[in-house]
Amino acid sequence: MTSLTKIAWDDTVLPFQLDRSDIRGRVARLDGLLDRILTQHRYPFVVEALVAEAALLTALIGQTIKLRWKLSLQIRGDGPVRIIATDYYAPDTRGDTAQIRAWASYDTDRVDPGGPGFTQIGSGYFAILVDQGAGTVPYQGITPLSGGSLSACAETYFAQSEQLPTRFALSFGRSRTPGEDESWRAGGVMLQHMPKASGPIARDGGSGEGGLLAAEDILDGTEGENWSRANLLLDTVEEIELIGPQIAPTDLLVRLFHEETPRVFDAQSVQFGCSCSADKVRQSLSIYSAKDIGHMTTNEGIVTADCQFCGAHYEFDPDTLGFEAEKSEDDNG
């Protein structure tokens, strides 16, 4: 039974709605996807855990965007962990698999392997970017790092930037099932109140850290009671229920929210995927002059580039790079 559940639900995001509470949500389980992201790098465990949390948040949030759109999380700070970046590529066609990638930059000499992860990001910001494709201007929302975890930052982001009460319950770590090697697993639940018909709330400040908005600043009356009740139910979830694989997400929703009338929709499968290519590297270098390209050329007479997300290695003839090379190619017809 465990193996069947694992096959059915690993690397999936299941959207649902609590009809009684006017709350929507997602349940995510990550297994092979997360292992693929992390085994490509040799991050210290504390950095791996931050990347795992960011990837899980990306899966939960990304499922809300439209087909062919791209959603990115960017976390930047002045601490030993400088950058955590993730991308979610929505599928081109409904029912196809979405793709996720993630990467981190950190100062090896400053990271405390045994210390808490979030504090090692330091002061900075949490951002969500949504790219709707060619011919559009990407949307970007930014909030300061706060709350003690990346999931708390995401909750603050939605309250502050979107004025949508949001709650995450996440669990992630290395685990071992009988007869298998140790691997990363992650699971989580996201709750989000449906947008209010009355529109945005004008406030000078909220009750959150640094005066940022929190859920209690947005909802009141019956909506506030519904939100509080759903959160109390989510508080009863156990880590093993989030990660699985013994408990299917559908069973978890019934266990947690059967009184809220949960209704599930089609699950979204996710896998590791990277959009890098030689053509995209050439395009990124097209803004440089031949002199600039010369400074990038190695002693072996080539220009190299490595993808930070997937580790792909590219090598180029410097004469074919830069805007001067492109102009020469056009002139030669």
C-alpha atoms as a PDB file:
ATOM      1  CA  MET A   1       0.000   0.000   0.000  1.00  0.00           C
ATOM      2  CA  THR A   2       2.845   2.382   0.797  1.00  0.00           C
ATOM      3  CA  SER A   3       4.430   1.929  -2.628  1.00  0.00           C
ATOM      4  CA  LEU A   4       1.121   2.558  -4.413  1.00  0.00           C
ATOM      5  CA  THR A   5       0.531   5.742  -2.409  1.00  0.00           C
ATOM      6  CA  LYS A   6       4.077   6.858  -3.127  1.00  0.00           C
ATOM      7  CA  ILE A   7       3.657   6.324  -6.862  1.00  0.00           C
ATOM      8  CA  ALA A   8       0.356   8.145  -6.891  1.00  0.00           C
ATOM      9  CA  TRP A   9       1.220  11.214  -4.836  1.00  0.00           C
ATOM     10  CA  ASP A  10       4.958  11.923  -4.824  1.00  0.00           C
ATOM     11  CA  ASP A  11       5.914  15.070  -6.746  1.00  0.00           C
ATOM     12  CA  THR A  12       2.333  16.276  -6.991  1.00  0.00           C
ATOM     13  CA  VAL A  13       0.318  19.301  -5.891  1.00  0.00           C
ATOM     14  CA  LEU A  14      -3.355  18.720  -5.075  1.00  0.00           C
ATOM     15  CA  PRO A  15      -5.588  21.835  -5.108  1.00  0.00           C
ATOM     16  CA  PHE A  16      -8.684  21.869  -2.911  1.00  0.00           C
ATOM     17  CA  GLN A  17     -11.348  24.163  -1.540  1.00  0.00           C
ATOM     18  CA  LEU A  18     -13.107  24.279   1.834  1.00  0.00           C
ATOM     19  CA  ASP A  19     -16.611  25.229   0.777  1.00  0.00           C
ATOM     20  CA  ARG A  20     -17.881  25.985   4.271  1.00  0.00           C
ATOM     21  CA  SER A  21     -15.038  28.417   4.999  1.00  0.00           C
ATOM     22  CA  ASP A  22     -14.530  30.031   1.577  1.00  0.00           C
ATOM     23  CA  ILE A  23     -10.890  28.956   1.745  1.00  0.00           C
ATOM     24  CA  ARG A  24      -8.804  27.418  -1.011  1.00  0.00           C
ATOM     25  CA  GLY A  25      -5.581  25.484  -0.623  1.00  0.00           C
ATOM     26  CA  ARG A  26      -3.034  23.014  -1.915  1.00  0.00           C
ATOM     27  CA  VAL A  27      -1.348  19.892  -0.589  1.00  0.00           C
ATOM     28  CA  ALA A  28       2.121  19.190  -1.998  1.00  0.00           C
ATOM     29  CA  ARG A  29       4.416  16.177  -1.776  1.00  0.00           C
ATOM     30  CA  LEU A  30       7.962  16.369  -3.134  1.00  0.00           C
ATOM     31  CA  ASP A  31      10.304  13.408  -3.395  1.00  0.00           C
ATOM     32  CA  GLY A  32      12.360  12.742  -6.531  1.00  0.00           C
ATOM     33  CA  LEU A  33      12.115  16.381  -7.616  1.00  0.00           C
ATOM     34  CA  LEU A  34      13.668  17.595  -4.382  1.00  0.00           C
ATOM     35  CA  ASP A  35      16.366  14.944  -4.413  1.00  0.00           C
ATOM     36  CA  ARG A  36      17.270  15.904  -7.997  1.00  0.00           C
ATOM     37  CA  ILE A  37      17.591  19.582  -7.047  1.00  0.00           C
ATOM     38  CA  LEU A  38      19.788  18.952  -4.018  1.00  0.00           C
ATOM     39  CA  THR A  39      22.013  16.120  -5.220  1.00  0.00           C
ATOM     40  CA  GLN A  40      23.350  18.343  -8.022  1.00  0.00           C
ATOM     41  CA  HIS A  41      25.074  20.503  -5.417  1.00  0.00           C
ATOM     42  CA  ARG A  42      27.125  19.942  -2.303  1.00  0.00           C
ATOM     43  CA  TYR A  43      25.283  22.314  -0.020  1.00  0.00           C
ATOM     44  CA  PRO A  44      25.756  22.093   3.742  1.00  0.00           C
ATOM     45  CA  PHE A  45      22.676  20.545   5.359  1.00  0.00           C
ATOM     46  CA  VAL A  46      21.523  23.915   6.686  1.00  0.00           C
ATOM     47  CA  VAL A  47      21.521  25.327   3.129  1.00  0.00           C
ATOM     48  CA  GLU A  48      19.842  22.193   1.763  1.00  0.00           C
ATOM     49  CA  ALA A  49      17.004  22.671   4.235  1.00  0.00           C
ATOM     50  CA  LEU A  50      16.459  26.276   3.114  1.00  0.00           C
ATOM     51  CA  VAL A  51      16.432  25.234  -0.555  1.00  0.00           C
ATOM     52  CA  ALA A  52      14.000  22.411   0.262  1.00  0.00           C
ATOM     53  CA  GLU A  53      11.660  24.849   2.015  1.00  0.00           C
ATOM     54  CA  ALA A  54      11.857  27.306  -0.884  1.00  0.00           C
ATOM     55  CA  ALA A  55      11.170  24.557  -3.443  1.00  0.00           C
ATOM     56  CA  LEU A  56       8.147  23.359  -1.458  1.00  0.00           C
ATOM     57  CA  LEU A  57       6.770  26.896  -1.240  1.00  0.00           C
ATOM     58  CA  THR A  58       7.338  27.269  -4.978  1.00  0.00           C
ATOM     59  CA  ALA A  59       5.340  24.109  -5.702  1.00  0.00           C
ATOM     60  CA  LEU A  60       2.448  25.245  -3.487  1.00  0.00           C
ATOM     61  CA  ILE A  61       2.328  28.831  -4.780  1.00  0.00           C
ATOM     62  CA  GLY A  62       3.208  28.060  -8.399  1.00  0.00           C
ATOM     63  CA  GLN A  63       0.220  25.811  -8.936  1.00  0.00           C
ATOM     64  CA  THR A  64      -1.996  28.924  -8.893  1.00  0.00           C
ATOM     65  CA  ILE A  65      -0.520  30.544 -12.024  1.00  0.00           C
ATOM     66  CA  LYS A  66      -1.903  30.108 -15.522  1.00  0.00           C
ATOM     67  CA  LEU A  67      -0.624  27.831 -18.270  1.00  0.00           C
ATOM     68  CA  ARG A  68       2.707  28.854 -19.836  1.00  0.00           C
ATOM     69  CA  TRP A  69       3.427  31.382 -17.075  1.00  0.00           C
ATOM     70  CA  LYS A  70       6.544  31.347 -14.909  1.00  0.00           C
ATOM     71  CA  LEU A  71       6.679  32.072 -11.172  1.00  0.00           C
ATOM     72  CA  SER A  72       9.931  32.775  -9.337  1.00  0.00           C
ATOM     73  CA  LEU A  73      10.872  33.114  -5.689  1.00  0.00           C
ATOM     74  CA  GLN A  74      13.901  35.207  -4.813  1.00  0.00           C
ATOM     75  CA  ILE A  75      15.299  35.458  -1.306  1.00  0.00           C
ATOM     76  CA  ARG A  76      18.289  37.746  -0.839  1.00  0.00           C
ATOM     77  CA  GLY A  77      20.091  38.674   2.353  1.00  0.00           C
ATOM     78  CA  ASP A  78      23.326  40.050   3.744  1.00  0.00           C
ATOM     79  CA  GLY A  79      24.143  36.929   5.758  1.00  0.00           C
ATOM     80  CA  PRO A  80      26.204  33.821   4.907  1.00  0.00           C
ATOM     81  CA  VAL A  81      23.302  32.504   2.765  1.00  0.00           C
ATOM     82  CA  ARG A  82      23.169  35.252   0.155  1.00  0.00           C
ATOM     83  CA  ILE A  83      20.633  34.046  -2.416  1.00  0.00           C
ATOM     84  CA  ILE A  84      17.954  31.398  -2.758  1.00  0.00           C
ATOM     85  CA  ALA A  85      16.227  31.379  -6.134  1.00  0.00           C
ATOM     86  CA  THR A  86      13.531  29.107  -7.521  1.00  0.00           C
ATOM     87  CA  ASP A  87      11.484  28.940 -10.717  1.00  0.00           C
ATOM     88  CA  TYR A  88       8.148  27.248 -11.439  1.00  0.00           C
ATOM     89  CA  TYR A  89       7.314  26.705 -15.115  1.00  0.00           C
ATOM     90  CA  ALA A  90       3.618  26.067 -15.624  1.00  0.00           C
ATOM     91  CA  PRO A  91       2.873  23.477 -18.326  1.00  0.00           C
ATOM     92  CA  ASP A  92       1.847  24.505 -21.829  1.00  0.00           C
ATOM     93  CA  THR A  93      -1.186  22.240 -21.746  1.00  0.00           C
ATOM     94  CA  ARG A  94      -3.520  21.373 -18.887  1.00  0.00           C
ATOM     95  CA  GLY A  95      -2.682  17.978 -17.473  1.00  0.00           C
ATOM     96  CA  ASP A  96       0.998  18.134 -18.442  1.00  0.00           C
ATOM     97  CA  THR A  97       3.793  18.238 -15.861  1.00  0.00           C
ATOM     98  CA  ALA A  98       5.050  21.513 -14.395  1.00  0.00           C
ATOM     99  CA  GLN A  99       8.781  22.041 -13.864  1.00  0.00           C
ATOM    100  CA  ILE A 100      10.662  23.434 -10.859  1.00  0.00           C
ATOM    101  CA  ARG A 101      14.293  24.342 -10.324  1.00  0.00           C
ATOM    102  CA  ALA A 102      16.128  25.873  -7.343  1.00  0.00           C
ATOM    103  CA  TRP A 103      19.571  27.154  -6.451  1.00  0.00           C
ATOM    104  CA  ALA A 104      21.402  28.854  -3.559  1.00  0.00           C
ATOM    105  CA  SER A 105      24.516  30.990  -3.188  1.00  0.00           C
ATOM    106  CA  TYR A 106      26.319  31.045   0.154  1.00  0.00           C
ATOM    107  CA  ASP A 107      29.625  31.964   1.777  1.00  0.00           C
ATOM    108  CA  THR A 108      31.294  28.683   2.728  1.00  0.00           C
ATOM    109  CA  ASP A 109      33.542  30.303   5.327  1.00  0.00           C
ATOM    110  CA  ARG A 110      30.677  32.056   7.123  1.00  0.00           C
ATOM    111  CA  VAL A 111      27.936  29.417   7.127  1.00  0.00           C
ATOM    112  CA  ASP A 112      27.372  27.749  10.496  1.00  0.00           C
ATOM    113  CA  PRO A 113      26.545  24.114   9.627  1.00  0.00           C
ATOM    114  CA  GLY A 114      24.959  23.505  13.015  1.00  0.00           C
ATOM    115  CA  GLY A 115      23.087  26.790  13.336  1.00  0.00           C
ATOM    116  CA  PRO A 116      19.538  27.716  12.381  1.00  0.00           C
ATOM    117  CA  GLY A 117      19.093  28.357   8.692  1.00  0.00           C
ATOM    118  CA  PHE A 118      16.795  31.359   8.430  1.00  0.00           C
ATOM    119  CA  THR A 119      18.911  33.655  10.597  1.00  0.00           C
ATOM    120  CA  GLN A 120      21.888  32.960   8.323  1.00  0.00           C
ATOM    121  CA  ILE A 121      20.147  34.773   5.474  1.00  0.00           C
ATOM    122  CA  GLY A 122      20.380  37.971   7.505  1.00  0.00           C
ATOM    123  CA  SER A 123      18.499  41.131   6.575  1.00  0.00           C
ATOM    124  CA  GLY A 124      17.037  41.314   3.109  1.00  0.00           C
ATOM    125  CA  TYR A 125      13.892  40.659   1.141  1.00  0.00           C
ATOM    126  CA  PHE A 126      11.488  37.972  -0.032  1.00  0.00           C
ATOM    127  CA  ALA A 127      10.153  38.460  -3.564  1.00  0.00           C
ATOM    128  CA  ILE A 128       7.714  36.731  -5.875  1.00  0.00           C
ATOM    129  CA  LEU A 129       7.886  37.399  -9.618  1.00  0.00           C
ATOM    130  CA  VAL A 130       5.320  36.290 -12.191  1.00  0.00           C
ATOM    131  CA  ASP A 131       6.283  36.302 -15.875  1.00  0.00           C
ATOM    132  CA  GLN A 132       3.296  36.003 -18.227  1.00  0.00           C
ATOM    133  CA  GLY A 133       5.418  35.588 -21.348  1.00  0.00           C
ATOM    134  CA  ALA A 134       6.712  37.599 -24.277  1.00  0.00           C
ATOM    135  CA  GLY A 135       5.273  41.077 -24.689  1.00  0.00           C
ATOM    136  CA  THR A 136       4.304  41.469 -21.041  1.00  0.00           C
ATOM    137  CA  VAL A 137       5.933  43.183 -18.077  1.00  0.00           C
ATOM    138  CA  PRO A 138       6.708  40.714 -15.245  1.00  0.00           C
ATOM    139  CA  TYR A 139       4.866  41.386 -11.974  1.00  0.00           C
ATOM    140  CA  GLN A 140       7.030  41.638  -8.868  1.00  0.00           C
ATOM    141  CA  GLY A 141       6.096  41.916  -5.195  1.00  0.00           C
ATOM    142  CA  ILE A 142       8.640  42.351  -2.399  1.00  0.00           C
ATOM    143  CA  THR A 143       8.448  42.202   1.396  1.00  0.00           C
ATOM    144  CA  PRO A 144      11.218  42.316   4.022  1.00  0.00           C
ATOM    145  CA  LEU A 145      12.477  39.066   5.512  1.00  0.00           C
ATOM    146  CA  SER A 146      10.545  38.489   8.740  1.00  0.00           C
ATOM    147  CA  GLY A 147       8.852  35.904  10.902  1.00  0.00           C
ATOM    148  CA  GLY A 148      11.649  33.406  11.460  1.00  0.00           C
ATOM    149  CA  SER A 149      11.157  31.158   8.392  1.00  0.00           C
ATOM    150  CA  LEU A 150      10.690  31.309   4.649  1.00  0.00           C
ATOM    151  CA  SER A 151       7.104  30.107   5.035  1.00  0.00           C
ATOM    152  CA  ALA A 152       6.426  32.979   7.448  1.00  0.00           C
ATOM    153  CA  CYS A 153       7.916  35.364   4.865  1.00  0.00           C
ATOM    154  CA  ALA A 154       5.539  33.971   2.247  1.00  0.00           C
ATOM    155  CA  GLU A 155       2.577  34.453   4.591  1.00  0.00           C
ATOM    156  CA  THR A 156       3.646  38.057   5.170  1.00  0.00           C
ATOM    157  CA  TYR A 157       4.082  38.580   1.431  1.00  0.00           C
ATOM    158  CA  PHE A 158       0.504  37.545   0.670  1.00  0.00           C
ATOM    159  CA  ALA A 159      -0.908  39.612   3.530  1.00  0.00           C
ATOM    160  CA  GLN A 160       1.147  42.697   2.708  1.00  0.00           C
ATOM    161  CA  SER A 161       1.318  42.635  -1.095  1.00  0.00           C
ATOM    162  CA  GLU A 162      -1.898  40.813  -2.032  1.00  0.00           C
ATOM    163  CA  GLN A 163      -3.939  41.274   1.174  1.00  0.00           C
ATOM    164  CA  LEU A 164      -4.798  37.572   1.087  1.00  0.00           C
ATOM    165  CA  PRO A 165      -4.666  35.746   4.441  1.00  0.00           C
ATOM    166  CA  THR A 166      -2.390  32.750   3.841  1.00  0.00           C
ATOM    167  CA  ARG A 167      -1.053  29.941   6.011  1.00  0.00           C
ATOM    168  CA  PHE A 168       1.604  27.305   5.365  1.00  0.00           C
ATOM    169  CA  ALA A 169       2.260  24.107   7.318  1.00  0.00           C
ATOM    170  CA  LEU A 170       5.458  22.504   6.005  1.00  0.00           C
ATOM    171  CA  SER A 171       7.681  19.565   6.815  1.00  0.00           C
ATOM    172  CA  PHE A 172      10.892  18.537   5.067  1.00  0.00           C
ATOM    173  CA  GLY A 173      14.045  16.574   5.723  1.00  0.00           C
ATOM    174  CA  ARG A 174      16.036  13.469   4.905  1.00  0.00           C
ATOM    175  CA  SER A 175      14.198  10.203   5.402  1.00  0.00           C
ATOM    176  CA  ARG A 176      14.697   6.533   4.747  1.00  0.00           C
ATOM    177  CA  THR A 177      12.073   3.960   3.895  1.00  0.00           C
ATOM    178  CA  PRO A 178      12.774   0.218   4.325  1.00  0.00           C
ATOM    179  CA  GLY A 179      14.974  -1.127   1.565  1.00  0.00           C
ATOM    180  CA  GLU A 180      15.767   2.301   0.087  1.00  0.00           C
ATOM    181  CA  ASP A 181      18.601   4.830   0.379  1.00  0.00           C
ATOM    182  CA  GLU A 182      18.195   8.004   2.425  1.00  0.00           C
ATOM    183  CA  SER A 183      16.616  10.797   0.405  1.00  0.00           C
ATOM    184  CA  TRP A 184      14.926  14.149   0.810  1.00  0.00           C
ATOM    185  CA  ARG A 185      11.176  14.333   1.257  1.00  0.00           C
ATOM    186  CA  ALA A 186       8.946  17.333   1.769  1.00  0.00           C
ATOM    187  CA  GLY A 187       5.258  17.948   2.183  1.00  0.00           C
ATOM    188  CA  GLY A 188       3.005  20.813   3.076  1.00  0.00           C
ATOM    189  CA  VAL A 189      -0.426  22.367   3.147  1.00  0.00           C
ATOM    190  CA  MET A 190      -1.259  25.892   2.018  1.00  0.00           C
ATOM    191  CA  LEU A 191      -4.469  27.646   3.059  1.00  0.00           C
ATOM    192  CA  GLN A 192      -5.567  30.920   1.499  1.00  0.00           C
ATOM    193  CA  HIS A 193      -8.730  32.896   2.033  1.00  0.00           C
ATOM    194  CA  MET A 194     -10.580  33.735  -1.143  1.00  0.00           C
ATOM    195  CA  PRO A 195     -10.210  37.396  -2.214  1.00  0.00           C
ATOM    196  CA  LYS A 196     -12.665  39.760  -0.534  1.00  0.00           C
ATOM    197  CA  ALA A 197     -15.253  41.365  -2.768  1.00  0.00           C
ATOM    198  CA  SER A 198     -14.703  44.702  -1.006  1.00  0.00           C
ATOM    199  CA  GLY A 199     -11.175  44.987  -2.408  1.00  0.00           C
ATOM    200  CA  PRO A 200      -7.932  46.132  -0.726  1.00  0.00           C
ATOM    201  CA  ILE A 201      -7.830  47.439   2.810  1.00  0.00           C
ATOM    202  CA  ALA A 202      -6.124  50.784   3.386  1.00  0.00           C
ATOM    203  CA  ARG A 203      -4.006  50.650   6.550  1.00  0.00           C
ATOM    204  CA  ASP A 204      -1.084  52.630   7.884  1.00  0.00           C
ATOM    205  CA  GLY A 205       0.395  49.519   9.460  1.00  0.00           C
ATOM    206  CA  GLY A 206      -0.346  45.999  10.612  1.00  0.00           C
ATOM    207  CA  SER A 207       0.158  43.811  13.646  1.00  0.00           C
ATOM    208  CA  GLY A 208       2.965  41.807  12.090  1.00  0.00           C
ATOM    209  CA  GLU A 209       6.697  42.221  12.592  1.00  0.00           C
ATOM    210  CA  GLY A 210       7.801  45.738  11.710  1.00  0.00           C
ATOM    211  CA  GLY A 211       4.214  46.868  11.240  1.00  0.00           C
ATOM    212  CA  LEU A 212       3.579  44.520   8.321  1.00  0.00           C
ATOM    213  CA  LEU A 213       0.065  43.233   7.684  1.00  0.00           C
ATOM    214  CA  ALA A 214      -1.037  39.876   9.082  1.00  0.00           C
ATOM    215  CA  ALA A 215      -4.156  37.778   8.476  1.00  0.00           C
ATOM    216  CA  GLU A 216      -5.922  39.169  11.547  1.00  0.00           C
ATOM    217  CA  ASP A 217      -5.573  42.679  10.123  1.00  0.00           C
ATOM    218  CA  ILE A 218      -7.473  41.711   6.965  1.00  0.00           C
ATOM    219  CA  LEU A 219     -10.349  39.503   8.156  1.00  0.00           C
ATOM    220  CA  ASP A 220     -13.049  40.129  10.731  1.00  0.00           C
ATOM    221  CA  GLY A 221     -16.558  38.925  11.544  1.00  0.00           C
ATOM    222  CA  THR A 222     -17.646  35.628  10.014  1.00  0.00           C
ATOM    223  CA  GLU A 223     -14.662  35.553   7.657  1.00  0.00           C
ATOM    224  CA  GLY A 224     -12.293  35.910  10.592  1.00  0.00           C
ATOM    225  CA  GLU A 225     -14.068  33.134  12.489  1.00  0.00           C
ATOM    226  CA  ASN A 226     -13.887  30.805   9.477  1.00  0.00           C
ATOM    227  CA  TRP A 227     -10.198  31.535   9.007  1.00  0.00           C
ATOM    228  CA  SER A 228      -9.417  30.937  12.681  1.00  0.00           C
ATOM    229  CA  ARG A 229     -11.345  27.650  12.691  1.00  0.00           C
ATOM    230  CA  ALA A 230      -9.530  26.320   9.612  1.00  0.00           C
ATOM    231  CA  ASN A 231      -6.180  27.284  11.104  1.00  0.00           C
ATOM    232  CA  LEU A 232      -6.976  25.528  14.379  1.00  0.00           C
ATOM    233  CA  LEU A 233      -7.745  22.379  12.406  1.00  0.00           C
ATOM    234  CA  LEU A 234      -4.484  22.699  10.473  1.00  0.00           C
ATOM    235  CA  ASP A 235      -2.627  23.069  13.774  1.00  0.00           C
ATOM    236  CA  THR A 236      -3.448  19.419  14.511  1.00  0.00           C
ATOM    237  CA  VAL A 237      -1.478  18.116  11.515  1.00  0.00           C
ATOM    238  CA  GLU A 238       1.584  15.977  12.258  1.00  0.00           C
ATOM    239  CA  GLU A 239       4.837  16.121  10.316  1.00  0.00           C
ATOM    240  CA  ILE A 240       4.571  12.512   9.160  1.00  0.00           C
ATOM    241  CA  GLU A 241       1.118  13.305   7.745  1.00  0.00           C
ATOM    242  CA  LEU A 242       2.572  16.148   5.699  1.00  0.00           C
ATOM    243  CA  ILE A 243       5.509  14.217   4.286  1.00  0.00           C
ATOM    244  CA  GLY A 244       3.788  10.872   3.708  1.00  0.00           C
ATOM    245  CA  PRO A 245       3.933   8.591   1.835  1.00  0.00           C
ATOM    246  CA  GLN A 246       1.673   6.423   3.997  1.00  0.00           C
ATOM    247  CA  ILE A 247      -1.182   8.962   4.124  1.00  0.00           C
ATOM    248  CA  ALA A 248      -2.612  10.156   0.819  1.00  0.00           C
ATOM    249  CA  PRO A 249      -3.339  13.905   0.528  1.00  0.00           C
ATOM    250  CA  THR A 250      -7.038  13.172   0.015  1.00  0.00           C
ATOM    251  CA  ASP A 251      -7.146  11.212   3.280  1.00  0.00           C
ATOM    252  CA  LEU A 252      -5.258  13.997   5.029  1.00  0.00           C
ATOM    253  CA  LEU A 253      -7.799  16.588   3.898  1.00  0.00           C
ATOM    254  CA  VAL A 254     -10.666  14.465   5.190  1.00  0.00           C
ATOM    255  CA  ARG A 255      -8.888  13.934   8.498  1.00  0.00           C
ATOM    256  CA  LEU A 256      -8.193  17.641   8.957  1.00  0.00           C
ATOM    257  CA  PHE A 257     -11.149  19.383   7.376  1.00  0.00           C
ATOM    258  CA  HIS A 258     -14.089  16.976   7.053  1.00  0.00           C
ATOM    259  CA  GLU A 259     -16.375  19.491   8.811  1.00  0.00           C
ATOM    260  CA  GLU A 260     -15.338  22.221   6.339  1.00  0.00           C
ATOM    261  CA  THR A 261     -16.605  20.268   3.311  1.00  0.00           C
ATOM    262  CA  PRO A 262     -13.330  19.811   1.405  1.00  0.00           C
ATOM    263  CA  ARG A 263     -13.556  19.534  -2.376  1.00  0.00           C
ATOM    264  CA  VAL A 264     -10.517  18.456  -4.416  1.00  0.00           C
ATOM    265  CA  PHE A 265      -9.559  19.267  -8.011  1.00  0.00           C
ATOM    266  CA  ASP A 266      -7.186  17.651 -10.488  1.00  0.00           C
ATOM    267  CA  ALA A 267      -3.689  17.087  -9.114  1.00  0.00           C
ATOM    268  CA  GLN A 268      -0.720  18.784 -10.800  1.00  0.00           C
ATOM    269  CA  SER A 269       2.425  16.707 -11.289  1.00  0.00           C
ATOM    270  CA  VAL A 270       5.804  18.442 -10.945  1.00  0.00           C
ATOM    271  CA  GLN A 271       9.339  17.474 -11.870  1.00  0.00           C
ATOM    272  CA  PHE A 272      12.798  18.989 -12.020  1.00  0.00           C
ATOM    273  CA  GLY A 273      13.347  21.043 -15.152  1.00  0.00           C
ATOM    274  CA  CYS A 274      15.781  23.697 -16.310  1.00  0.00           C
ATOM    275  CA  SER A 275      15.304  26.155 -19.160  1.00  0.00           C
ATOM    276  CA  CYS A 276      18.984  26.885 -19.775  1.00  0.00           C
ATOM    277  CA  SER A 277      20.434  26.424 -23.267  1.00  0.00           C
ATOM    278  CA  ALA A 278      23.390  27.479 -25.377  1.00  0.00           C
ATOM    279  CA  ASP A 279      21.160  29.907 -27.274  1.00  0.00           C
ATOM    280  CA  LYS A 280      20.073  31.618 -24.040  1.00  0.00           C
ATOM    281  CA  VAL A 281      23.702  31.993 -22.936  1.00  0.00           C
ATOM    282  CA  ARG A 282      24.542  33.551 -26.309  1.00  0.00           C
ATOM    283  CA  GLN A 283      21.617  35.922 -25.923  1.00  0.00           C
ATOM    284  CA  SER A 284      22.715  36.969 -22.436  1.00  0.00           C
ATOM    285  CA  LEU A 285      26.205  37.732 -23.770  1.00  0.00           C
ATOM    286  CA  SER A 286      24.939  39.644 -26.792  1.00  0.00           C
ATOM    287  CA  ILE A 287      25.102  42.962 -24.893  1.00  0.00           C
ATOM    288  CA  TYR A 288      28.909  42.792 -24.615  1.00  0.00           C
ATOM    289  CA  SER A 289      31.546  44.150 -26.989  1.00  0.00           C
ATOM    290  CA  ALA A 290      34.373  42.092 -28.432  1.00  0.00           C
ATOM    291  CA  LYS A 291      36.672  43.707 -25.857  1.00  0.00           C
ATOM    292  CA  ASP A 292      34.388  42.605 -23.024  1.00  0.00           C
ATOM    293  CA  ILE A 293      34.206  39.102 -24.463  1.00  0.00           C
ATOM    294  CA  GLY A 294      37.991  39.080 -24.592  1.00  0.00           C
ATOM    295  CA  HIS A 295      38.127  39.598 -20.835  1.00  0.00           C
ATOM    296  CA  MET A 296      35.869  36.559 -20.398  1.00  0.00           C
ATOM    297  CA  THR A 297      38.010  34.325 -22.604  1.00  0.00           C
ATOM    298  CA  THR A 298      40.078  31.656 -20.863  1.00  0.00           C
ATOM    299  CA  ASN A 299      43.732  30.846 -21.519  1.00  0.00           C
ATOM    300  CA  GLU A 300      42.463  27.989 -23.693  1.00  0.00           C
ATOM    301  CA  GLY A 301      40.770  30.505 -25.986  1.00  0.00           C
ATOM    302  CA  ILE A 302      37.164  29.721 -25.099  1.00  0.00           C
ATOM    303  CA  VAL A 303      34.353  31.344 -23.134  1.00  0.00           C
ATOM    304  CA  THR A 304      32.666  29.072 -20.621  1.00  0.00           C
ATOM    305  CA  ALA A 305      29.395  29.304 -18.733  1.00  0.00           C
ATOM    306  CA  ASP A 306      27.818  27.060 -16.108  1.00  0.00           C
ATOM    307  CA  CYS A 307      24.139  26.932 -15.165  1.00  0.00           C
ATOM    308  CA  GLN A 308      23.708  27.565 -11.464  1.00  0.00           C
ATOM    309  CA  PHE A 309      20.466  25.579 -11.394  1.00  0.00           C
ATOM    310  CA  CYS A 310      21.329  22.350 -13.202  1.00  0.00           C
ATOM    311  CA  GLY A 311      25.124  22.462 -13.552  1.00  0.00           C
ATOM    312  CA  ALA A 312      25.139  22.333 -17.365  1.00  0.00           C
ATOM    313  CA  HIS A 313      28.497  23.438 -18.805  1.00  0.00           C
ATOM    314  CA  TYR A 314      28.755  25.445 -22.034  1.00  0.00           C
ATOM    315  CA  GLU A 315      31.800  26.364 -24.120  1.00  0.00           C
ATOM    316  CA  PHE A 316      31.890  28.965 -26.918  1.00  0.00           C
ATOM    317  CA  ASP A 317      34.231  30.379 -29.522  1.00  0.00           C
ATOM    318  CA  PRO A 318      34.644  34.013 -28.377  1.00  0.00           C
ATOM    319  CA  ASP A 319      34.501  35.228 -31.998  1.00  0.00           C
ATOM    320  CA  THR A 320      30.855  34.121 -32.144  1.00  0.00           C
ATOM    321  CA  LEU A 321      29.765  36.074 -29.058  1.00  0.00           C
ATOM    322  CA  GLY A 322      28.757  39.658 -28.366  1.00  0.00           C
ATOM    323  CA  PHE A 323      26.926  42.312 -30.358  1.00  0.00           C
ATOM    324  CA  GLU A 324      29.851  42.879 -32.712  1.00  0.00           C
ATOM    325  CA  ALA A 325      29.946  39.200 -33.668  1.00  0.00           C
ATOM    326  CA  GLU A 326      26.179  39.218 -34.255  1.00  0.00           C
ATOM    327  CA  LYS A 327      26.502  42.307 -36.480  1.00  0.00           C
ATOM    328  CA  SER A 328      29.268  40.659 -38.466  1.00  0.00           C
ATOM    329  CA  GLU A 329      27.134  37.551 -39.006  1.00  0.00           C
ATOM    330  CA  ASP A 330      24.222  39.677 -40.221  1.00  0.00           C
ATOM    331  CA  ASP A 331      26.454  41.606 -42.610  1.00  0.00           C
ATOM    332  CA  ASN A 332      27.772  38.401 -44.097  1.00  0.00           C
ATOM    333  CA  GLY A 333      24.176  37.322 -44.789  1.00  0.00           C
END
